[in-house]
C-alpha atoms as a PDB file:
ATOM      1  CA  MET A   1       0.081   0.144   0.018  1.00  0.00           C
ATOM      2  CA  ILE A   2       2.486   2.135   0.723  1.00  0.00           C
ATOM      3  CA  ASP A   3       5.320   1.950  -1.930  1.00  0.00           C
ATOM      4  CA  LYS A   4       1.478   2.357  -4.314  1.00  0.00           C
ATOM      5  CA  PHE A   5       1.378   5.661  -2.963  1.00  0.00           C
ATOM      6  CA  CYS A   6       4.870   6.577  -2.607  1.00  0.00           C
ATOM      7  CA  ASN A   7       4.763   5.578  -6.401  1.00  0.00           C
ATOM      8  CA  TRP A   8       1.460   7.635  -7.754  1.00  0.00           C
ATOM      9  CA  LEU A   9       3.376  10.818  -5.748  1.00  0.00           C
ATOM     10  CA  THR A  10       6.694  10.346  -7.175  1.00  0.00           C
ATOM     11  CA  GLU A  11       3.958  10.204 -10.486  1.00  0.00           C
ATOM     12  CA  LYS A  12       2.589  13.681 -10.005  1.00  0.00           C
ATOM     13  CA  ILE A  13       5.750  15.134  -9.272  1.00  0.00           C
ATOM     14  CA  LYS A  14       8.190  14.374 -12.002  1.00  0.00           C
ATOM     15  CA  GLY A  15       4.177  15.518 -13.673  1.00  0.00           C
ATOM     16  CA  LYS A  16       5.025  18.687 -13.080  1.00  0.00           C
ATOM     17  CA  MET A  17       8.622  19.002 -13.140  1.00  0.00           C
ATOM     18  CA  PRO A  18       9.250  16.977 -17.003  1.00  0.00           C
ATOM     19  CA  GLU A  19      12.835  18.414 -17.046  1.00  0.00           C
ATOM     20  CA  ILE A  20      12.864  15.270 -14.537  1.00  0.00           C
ATOM     21  CA  ASP A  21      15.257  12.421 -15.829  1.00  0.00           C
ATOM     22  CA  GLU A  22      15.330   9.004 -14.195  1.00  0.00           C
ATOM     23  CA  GLU A  23      18.218   9.536 -12.323  1.00  0.00           C
ATOM     24  CA  LYS A  24      16.043  12.528 -10.020  1.00  0.00           C
ATOM     25  CA  GLU A  25      13.100  10.682 -10.718  1.00  0.00           C
ATOM     26  CA  LEU A  26      14.870   7.490  -8.168  1.00  0.00           C
ATOM     27  CA  VAL A  27      16.118   9.751  -6.065  1.00  0.00           C
ATOM     28  CA  ILE A  28      12.670  11.237  -5.496  1.00  0.00           C
ATOM     29  CA  ASN A  29      10.634   8.211  -4.964  1.00  0.00           C
ATOM     30  CA  PHE A  30      13.703   7.575  -2.596  1.00  0.00           C
ATOM     31  CA  GLY A  31      12.889  10.841  -0.499  1.00  0.00           C
ATOM     32  CA  VAL A  32       9.225  10.227  -0.395  1.00  0.00           C
ATOM     33  CA  ARG A  33       9.438   7.034   1.034  1.00  0.00           C
ATOM     34  CA  ILE A  34      11.711   8.215   3.532  1.00  0.00           C
ATOM     35  CA  LEU A  35       9.672  10.302   4.556  1.00  0.00           C
ATOM     36  CA  PHE A  36       6.450   7.852   4.739  1.00  0.00           C
ATOM     37  CA  GLY A  37       7.175   4.923   5.189  1.00  0.00           C
ATOM     38  CA  GLU A  38      11.001   5.561   7.308  1.00  0.00           C
ATOM     39  CA  VAL A  39       9.550   7.754   9.687  1.00  0.00           C
ATOM     40  CA  PRO A  40       6.945   4.992  10.488  1.00  0.00           C
ATOM     41  CA  LYS A  41       9.523   2.208  11.310  1.00  0.00           C
ATOM     42  CA  ILE A  42      11.921   4.584  12.814  1.00  0.00           C
ATOM     43  CA  LEU A  43       9.104   5.114  16.118  1.00  0.00           C
ATOM     44  CA  ALA A  44       7.993   1.860  15.790  1.00  0.00           C
ATOM     45  CA  LEU A  45      12.215   1.063  16.591  1.00  0.00           C
ATOM     46  CA  PHE A  46      12.277   3.896  18.876  1.00  0.00           C
ATOM     47  CA  ILE A  47       8.871   2.003  20.769  1.00  0.00           C
ATOM     48  CA  LEU A  48      10.080  -1.181  20.987  1.00  0.00           C
ATOM     49  CA  GLY A  49      13.307   0.606  22.400  1.00  0.00           C
ATOM     50  CA  PHE A  50      11.006   1.687  25.553  1.00  0.00           C
ATOM     51  CA  LEU A  51       9.095  -1.449  25.456  1.00  0.00           C
ATOM     52  CA  LEU A  52      12.574  -3.062  26.326  1.00  0.00           C
ATOM     53  CA  GLN A  53      14.016  -0.048  28.953  1.00  0.00           C
ATOM     54  CA  ILE A  54      16.943   0.801  26.360  1.00  0.00           C
ATOM     55  CA  GLY A  55      15.144   3.239  24.577  1.00  0.00           C
ATOM     56  CA  TRP A  56      17.715   5.526  25.078  1.00  0.00           C
ATOM     57  CA  TYR A  57      20.480   3.329  24.263  1.00  0.00           C
ATOM     58  CA  SER A  58      18.392   2.800  20.858  1.00  0.00           C
ATOM     59  CA  LEU A  59      17.892   6.264  20.387  1.00  0.00           C
ATOM     60  CA  LEU A  60      22.002   7.229  20.874  1.00  0.00           C
ATOM     61  CA  MET A  61      22.561   3.824  18.637  1.00  0.00           C
ATOM     62  CA  TYR A  62      19.944   4.629  15.753  1.00  0.00           C
ATOM     63  CA  PHE A  63      21.952   8.785  14.631  1.00  0.00           C
ATOM     64  CA  LEU A  64      25.263   7.462  15.532  1.00  0.00           C
ATOM     65  CA  ILE A  65      25.382   4.019  13.153  1.00  0.00           C
ATOM     66  CA  ALA A  66      22.844   5.332  10.995  1.00  0.00           C
ATOM     67  CA  PRO A  67      24.635   8.165   9.407  1.00  0.00           C
ATOM     68  CA  TYR A  68      27.908   5.129   9.554  1.00  0.00           C
ATOM     69  CA  ARG A  69      24.849   2.856   7.273  1.00  0.00           C
ATOM     70  CA  THR A  70      23.567   6.323   4.713  1.00  0.00           C
ATOM     71  CA  PHE A  71      27.302   6.735   3.645  1.00  0.00           C
ATOM     72  CA  THR A  72      28.694   2.681   3.389  1.00  0.00           C
ATOM     73  CA  GLY A  73      25.338   1.880   2.090  1.00  0.00           C
ATOM     74  CA  GLY A  74      24.653  -1.981   1.652  1.00  0.00           C
ATOM     75  CA  PHE A  75      20.380  -4.160   1.032  1.00  0.00           C
ATOM     76  CA  HIS A  76      17.831  -2.882   1.637  1.00  0.00           C
ATOM     77  CA  LEU A  77      14.492  -5.354   2.167  1.00  0.00           C
ATOM     78  CA  LYS A  78      11.782  -4.730  -0.321  1.00  0.00           C
ATOM     79  CA  THR A  79       9.173  -5.152   1.923  1.00  0.00           C
ATOM     80  CA  HIS A  80       8.049  -2.646   4.811  1.00  0.00           C
ATOM     81  CA  TRP A  81       8.128  -5.832   6.957  1.00  0.00           C
ATOM     82  CA  GLY A  82      11.640  -7.017   5.944  1.00  0.00           C
ATOM     83  CA  CYS A  83      12.726  -3.129   6.382  1.00  0.00           C
ATOM     84  CA  MET A  84      11.515  -3.411  10.251  1.00  0.00           C
ATOM     85  CA  ILE A  85      13.365  -6.669  11.174  1.00  0.00           C
ATOM     86  CA  THR A  86      16.091  -5.390   9.268  1.00  0.00           C
ATOM     87  CA  SER A  87      16.338  -2.176  11.631  1.00  0.00           C
ATOM     88  CA  ILE A  88      16.101  -4.124  14.557  1.00  0.00           C
ATOM     89  CA  VAL A  89      19.172  -6.394  14.008  1.00  0.00           C
ATOM     90  CA  LEU A  90      21.179  -3.700  13.087  1.00  0.00           C
ATOM     91  CA  TYR A  91      19.925  -0.631  15.760  1.00  0.00           C
ATOM     92  CA  ILE A  92      17.982  -3.399  18.912  1.00  0.00           C
ATOM     93  CA  VAL A  93      20.645  -6.244  18.802  1.00  0.00           C
ATOM     94  CA  PRO A  94      23.321  -5.247  19.121  1.00  0.00           C
ATOM     95  CA  ILE A  95      22.475  -3.216  22.190  1.00  0.00           C
ATOM     96  CA  LEU A  96      20.435  -6.379  23.908  1.00  0.00           C
ATOM     97  CA  VAL A  97      24.568  -7.515  22.480  1.00  0.00           C
ATOM     98  CA  ALA A  98      25.802  -5.357  24.838  1.00  0.00           C
ATOM     99  CA  LYS A  99      23.730  -5.748  27.955  1.00  0.00           C
ATOM    100  CA  TYR A 100      25.064  -9.400  28.541  1.00  0.00           C
ATOM    101  CA  ILE A 101      28.264  -9.565  26.196  1.00  0.00           C
ATOM    102  CA  THR A 102      31.007  -6.525  27.197  1.00  0.00           C
ATOM    103  CA  ILE A 103      34.564  -7.089  28.040  1.00  0.00           C
ATOM    104  CA  PRO A 104      35.141  -4.976  31.450  1.00  0.00           C
ATOM    105  CA  GLN A 105      39.299  -4.964  30.916  1.00  0.00           C
ATOM    106  CA  GLU A 106      39.874  -1.750  29.143  1.00  0.00           C
ATOM    107  CA  TYR A 107      43.073  -3.125  26.685  1.00  0.00           C
ATOM    108  CA  LEU A 108      40.390  -5.746  25.381  1.00  0.00           C
ATOM    109  CA  MET A 109      37.602  -3.672  24.517  1.00  0.00           C
ATOM    110  CA  HIS A 110      40.708  -1.087  22.450  1.00  0.00           C
ATOM    111  CA  ILE A 111      42.137  -4.816  20.821  1.00  0.00           C
ATOM    112  CA  ILE A 112      38.235  -5.724  19.683  1.00  0.00           C
ATOM    113  CA  ALA A 113      37.863  -1.399  18.497  1.00  0.00           C
ATOM    114  CA  GLY A 114      41.105  -1.784  16.588  1.00  0.00           C
ATOM    115  CA  ILE A 115      40.598  -5.086  14.731  1.00  0.00           C
ATOM    116  CA  VAL A 116      36.869  -4.245  13.857  1.00  0.00           C
ATOM    117  CA  GLY A 117      38.514  -0.434  12.741  1.00  0.00           C
ATOM    118  CA  VAL A 118      40.730  -2.248  10.333  1.00  0.00           C
ATOM    119  CA  LEU A 119      38.449  -4.937   9.505  1.00  0.00           C
ATOM    120  CA  SER A 120      36.127  -1.429   8.615  1.00  0.00           C
ATOM    121  CA  ILE A 121      38.101   0.202   6.188  1.00  0.00           C
ATOM    122  CA  ILE A 122      39.223  -2.734   4.109  1.00  0.00           C
ATOM    123  CA  PHE A 123      35.092  -3.019   3.973  1.00  0.00           C
ATOM    124  CA  ILE A 124      34.365   0.168   2.763  1.00  0.00           C
ATOM    125  CA  PHE A 125      37.588   0.122   0.406  1.00  0.00           C
ATOM    126  CA  LYS A 126      36.327  -3.118  -0.993  1.00  0.00           C
ATOM    127  CA  TYR A 127      32.373  -2.756  -0.926  1.00  0.00           C
ATOM    128  CA  ALA A 128      31.332   1.133   0.095  1.00  0.00           C
ATOM    129  CA  PRO A 129      29.165   2.874  -1.194  1.00  0.00           C
ATOM    130  CA  ALA A 130      27.068  -0.513  -1.507  1.00  0.00           C
ATOM    131  CA  ASP A 131      24.018   0.954  -3.507  1.00  0.00           C
ATOM    132  CA  THR A 132      21.117  -1.577  -5.046  1.00  0.00           C
ATOM    133  CA  GLU A 133      19.492  -1.738  -8.672  1.00  0.00           C
ATOM    134  CA  ASN A 134      16.923   0.607  -6.589  1.00  0.00           C
ATOM    135  CA  ILE A 135      19.382   3.276  -5.035  1.00  0.00           C
ATOM    136  CA  PRO A 136      21.826   2.979  -8.113  1.00  0.00           C
ATOM    137  CA  ILE A 137      25.045   6.075  -7.741  1.00  0.00           C
ATOM    138  CA  LEU A 138      26.303   6.661 -10.499  1.00  0.00           C
ATOM    139  CA  SER A 139      28.402   9.817 -10.085  1.00  0.00           C
ATOM    140  CA  LYS A 140      31.926   8.802  -9.937  1.00  0.00           C
ATOM    141  CA  LYS A 141      31.817  11.770  -7.070  1.00  0.00           C
ATOM    142  CA  GLU A 142      29.004  10.648  -5.324  1.00  0.00           C
ATOM    143  CA  ARG A 143      30.800   7.744  -5.002  1.00  0.00           C
ATOM    144  CA  LYS A 144      34.632   8.848  -3.804  1.00  0.00           C
ATOM    145  CA  THR A 145      32.148  11.265  -1.309  1.00  0.00           C
ATOM    146  CA  LYS A 146      30.770   8.774   0.361  1.00  0.00           C
ATOM    147  CA  ARG A 147      33.315   6.895   0.735  1.00  0.00           C
ATOM    148  CA  ILE A 148      35.382   9.671   1.915  1.00  0.00           C
ATOM    149  CA  LYS A 149      32.616   9.849   4.530  1.00  0.00           C
ATOM    150  CA  SER A 150      32.382   6.414   5.404  1.00  0.00           C
ATOM    151  CA  TYR A 151      36.211   6.913   6.855  1.00  0.00           C
ATOM    152  CA  ILE A 152      34.642   9.788   8.346  1.00  0.00           C
ATOM    153  CA  SER A 153      32.108   8.008  10.423  1.00  0.00           C
ATOM    154  CA  LEU A 154      34.284   5.544  10.952  1.00  0.00           C
ATOM    155  CA  LEU A 155      36.624   7.433  12.821  1.00  0.00           C
ATOM    156  CA  ILE A 156      33.978   9.281  15.040  1.00  0.00           C
ATOM    157  CA  LEU A 157      31.959   6.675  15.930  1.00  0.00           C
ATOM    158  CA  LEU A 158      35.799   4.299  16.992  1.00  0.00           C
ATOM    159  CA  ALA A 159      37.052   7.465  19.386  1.00  0.00           C
ATOM    160  CA  ILE A 160      33.568   7.657  20.803  1.00  0.00           C
ATOM    161  CA  ILE A 161      33.783   3.698  21.260  1.00  0.00           C
ATOM    162  CA  LEU A 162      37.263   4.307  23.236  1.00  0.00           C
ATOM    163  CA  LEU A 163      36.501   7.868  24.925  1.00  0.00           C
ATOM    164  CA  ILE A 164      32.800   7.308  26.355  1.00  0.00           C
ATOM    165  CA  PRO A 165      32.941   6.097  30.170  1.00  0.00           C
ATOM    166  CA  ASP A 166      30.209   3.445  29.022  1.00  0.00           C
ATOM    167  CA  LYS A 167      30.877   0.369  28.392  1.00  0.00           C
ATOM    168  CA  ILE A 168      27.444  -1.320  26.710  1.00  0.00           C
ATOM    169  CA  ILE A 169      27.783   2.111  24.521  1.00  0.00           C
ATOM    170  CA  SER A 170      30.936   1.023  24.045  1.00  0.00           C
ATOM    171  CA  TYR A 171      29.932  -2.065  22.948  1.00  0.00           C
ATOM    172  CA  MET A 172      26.883  -1.818  22.305  1.00  0.00           C
ATOM    173  CA  LEU A 173      28.344   0.588  19.213  1.00  0.00           C
ATOM    174  CA  LEU A 174      31.371  -1.823  18.187  1.00  0.00           C
ATOM    175  CA  TYR A 175      28.142  -4.135  17.303  1.00  0.00           C
ATOM    176  CA  GLY A 176      26.277  -2.115  15.439  1.00  0.00           C
ATOM    177  CA  ILE A 177      29.568  -1.424  13.432  1.00  0.00           C
ATOM    178  CA  PHE A 178      30.374  -5.253  12.362  1.00  0.00           C
ATOM    179  CA  LEU A 179      26.356  -5.621  11.122  1.00  0.00           C
ATOM    180  CA  GLN A 180      26.931  -2.988   9.291  1.00  0.00           C
ATOM    181  CA  ASN A 181      29.491  -4.256   7.426  1.00  0.00           C
ATOM    182  CA  LEU A 182      27.815  -7.882   6.509  1.00  0.00           C
ATOM    183  CA  THR A 183      25.555  -5.706   5.007  1.00  0.00           C
ATOM    184  CA  LEU A 184      28.017  -4.666   2.280  1.00  0.00           C
ATOM    185  CA  THR A 185      28.856  -8.097   1.107  1.00  0.00           C
ATOM    186  CA  PRO A 186      27.575 -10.028  -1.595  1.00  0.00           C
ATOM    187  CA  ILE A 187      27.032 -13.141   0.675  1.00  0.00           C
ATOM    188  CA  ALA A 188      24.752 -10.455   2.175  1.00  0.00           C
ATOM    189  CA  TYR A 189      23.571  -9.377  -0.842  1.00  0.00           C
ATOM    190  CA  LYS A 190      23.051 -13.162  -2.463  1.00  0.00           C
ATOM    191  CA  LEU A 191      20.911 -13.973   1.019  1.00  0.00           C
ATOM    192  CA  THR A 192      18.549 -10.824   0.755  1.00  0.00           C
ATOM    193  CA  LYS A 193      18.220 -11.393  -3.269  1.00  0.00           C
ATOM    194  CA  ASN A 194      19.828  -7.769  -3.603  1.00  0.00           C
ATOM    195  CA  LYS A 195      21.830  -6.807  -6.627  1.00  0.00           C
ATOM    196  CA  TYR A 196      25.035  -3.968  -6.539  1.00  0.00           C
ATOM    197  CA  SER A 197      23.845  -1.738  -9.560  1.00  0.00           C
ATOM    198  CA  TYR A 198      27.079  -2.336 -11.668  1.00  0.00           C
ATOM    199  CA  GLU A 199      25.706  -5.979 -11.697  1.00  0.00           C
ATOM    200  CA  VAL A 200      22.657  -5.101 -13.303  1.00  0.00           C
ATOM    201  CA  TYR A 201      24.156  -2.469 -15.606  1.00  0.00           C
ATOM    202  CA  THR A 202      25.589  -5.288 -16.471  1.00  0.00           C
ATOM    203  CA  GLU A 203      23.357  -7.692 -17.582  1.00  0.00           C
ATOM    204  CA  LYS A 204      21.823  -4.908 -19.549  1.00  0.00           C
ATOM    205  CA  THR A 205      24.820  -4.034 -22.183  1.00  0.00           C
ATOM    206  CA  ALA A 206      25.652  -8.454 -21.510  1.00  0.00           C
END
């Protein structure tokens, strides 16, 4: 229902702005979907967090990890229920795990942060920004900019992890970064039946 409404609204906007090309149409459709599809999902995510008594952690988790996910990209499930499940896994599960699996020794936490940091750099270099067939990144300049922002976002997250005294926050961010990195990989794309945009264009020109 929401998808049909978003497509209808996009067509209405395009009808009033005939100069819009296919790439801009995709961007507009994505923005409409964010407004009418993502906002209710985000509210539901926060409500679930408060019901699980991790409300403030869920707010913090979303606002810290969401920029990293925006810049690095990753797969997107095609249904709203699928998106909801993905959001719960990325933003709620790391908090629940962090409440029960934390290592009090600070030097071990630093080692884990170093490992996650190095792996993240490799994942960003190899896969980011990981786009999809529905929201392709066609501009080389945009890809370069998002990759740079991915590195900057990662550095900010690692600084928070190492400097903040609350170990639950440190570990939930570590787990969140790790899970987000997995969403960039070819295996994750195959399991969720997503395609990178370059795969789609390769098929069209084959």
